[in-house]
Amino acid sequence: YQKFVAQLIAERDLDYALFLLGKYKEVFPQSATLLRYYGDAYLLKGEVEEAKRYYAKLLELEPESSEIKQLLESLK
């Protein structure tokens, strides 16, 4: 699923990407990759608060991630 969702996000087919992520969330609720894709898709849609929520959950799973820390800081 990861390559397909990444392709949808890259092509800016964000509504369909979010639809599929919702389906995958049922199977992989704590997937770091899934949380990242959710954050990226919402950020590209301009829904910054929703993106921050997913990035914050991702940071809980990967507290050492300087990339996510920087991203969250830039969205304040």
Protein backbone atom coordinates (compact mmCIF):
# COMPACT_ATOMS: atom_id res chain seq x y z
CA TYR A 1 0.00 0.00 0.00
CA GLN A 2 2.85 2.37 0.75
CA LYS A 3 4.00 2.90 -2.82
CA PHE A 4 0.47 3.40 -4.09
CA VAL A 5 -0.44 5.93 -1.39
CA ALA A 6 2.87 7.74 -1.90
CA GLN A 7 2.09 7.96 -5.62
CA LEU A 8 -1.38 9.34 -4.94
CA ILE A 9 0.06 11.98 -2.63
CA ALA A 10 2.75 12.89 -5.16
CA GLU A 11 0.06 13.26 -7.83
CA ARG A 12 -2.02 15.36 -5.39
CA ASP A 13 -4.92 12.91 -5.48
CA LEU A 14 -5.31 13.65 -1.79
CA ASP A 15 -8.94 12.74 -1.22
CA TYR A 16 -8.41 9.25 -2.62
CA ALA A 17 -5.15 8.90 -0.67
CA LEU A 18 -6.97 9.81 2.54
CA PHE A 19 -9.77 7.38 1.71
CA LEU A 20 -7.27 4.54 1.30
CA LEU A 21 -5.38 5.56 4.42
CA GLY A 22 -8.64 5.23 6.34
CA LYS A 23 -8.96 1.65 5.12
CA TYR A 24 -5.34 0.83 5.98
CA LYS A 25 -5.71 2.44 9.39
CA GLU A 26 -8.14 -0.32 10.33
CA VAL A 27 -5.39 -2.90 9.72
CA PHE A 28 -2.28 -0.91 10.71
CA PRO A 29 -3.46 1.58 13.39
CA GLN A 30 0.04 2.27 14.78
CA SER A 31 1.97 2.37 11.51
CA ALA A 32 4.53 5.18 11.47
CA THR A 33 4.38 5.27 7.69
CA LEU A 34 0.61 5.60 7.74
CA LEU A 35 0.80 8.48 10.22
CA ARG A 36 3.40 10.22 8.05
CA TYR A 37 1.25 9.87 4.94
CA TYR A 38 -1.77 11.22 6.79
CA GLY A 39 0.25 14.24 7.92
CA ASP A 40 1.64 14.85 4.46
CA ALA A 41 -1.75 14.55 2.76
CA TYR A 42 -3.44 16.93 5.19
CA LEU A 43 -0.58 19.39 4.95
CA LEU A 44 -0.85 19.43 1.15
CA LYS A 45 -4.62 19.96 1.47
CA GLY A 46 -3.90 23.01 3.60
CA GLU A 47 -5.37 21.43 6.73
CA VAL A 48 -2.41 22.30 8.93
CA GLU A 49 -3.98 21.53 12.32
CA GLU A 50 -4.97 18.05 11.18
CA ALA A 51 -1.48 17.50 9.75
CA LYS A 52 0.09 18.58 13.04
CA ARG A 53 -2.09 16.09 14.90
CA TYR A 54 -0.76 13.20 12.83
CA TYR A 55 2.83 14.42 12.98
CA ALA A 56 2.54 14.66 16.77
CA LYS A 57 1.31 11.05 16.93
CA LEU A 58 4.21 10.05 14.72
CA LEU A 59 6.64 11.80 17.04
CA GLU A 60 5.24 9.77 19.93
CA LEU A 61 6.18 6.60 18.02
CA GLU A 62 9.54 7.96 16.89
CA PRO A 63 10.63 10.47 19.55
CA GLU A 64 14.18 10.63 18.20
CA SER A 65 13.06 11.86 14.76
CA SER A 66 14.65 15.26 14.29
CA GLU A 67 12.90 15.57 10.92
CA ILE A 68 9.43 15.37 12.47
CA LYS A 69 10.45 17.67 15.33
CA GLN A 70 11.63 20.28 12.82
CA LEU A 71 8.50 19.86 10.73
CA LEU A 72 6.23 20.38 13.73
CA GLU A 73 8.26 23.39 14.82
CA SER A 74 7.93 24.94 11.36
CA LEU A 75 4.13 24.53 11.49
CA LYS A 76 3.67 26.52 14.73
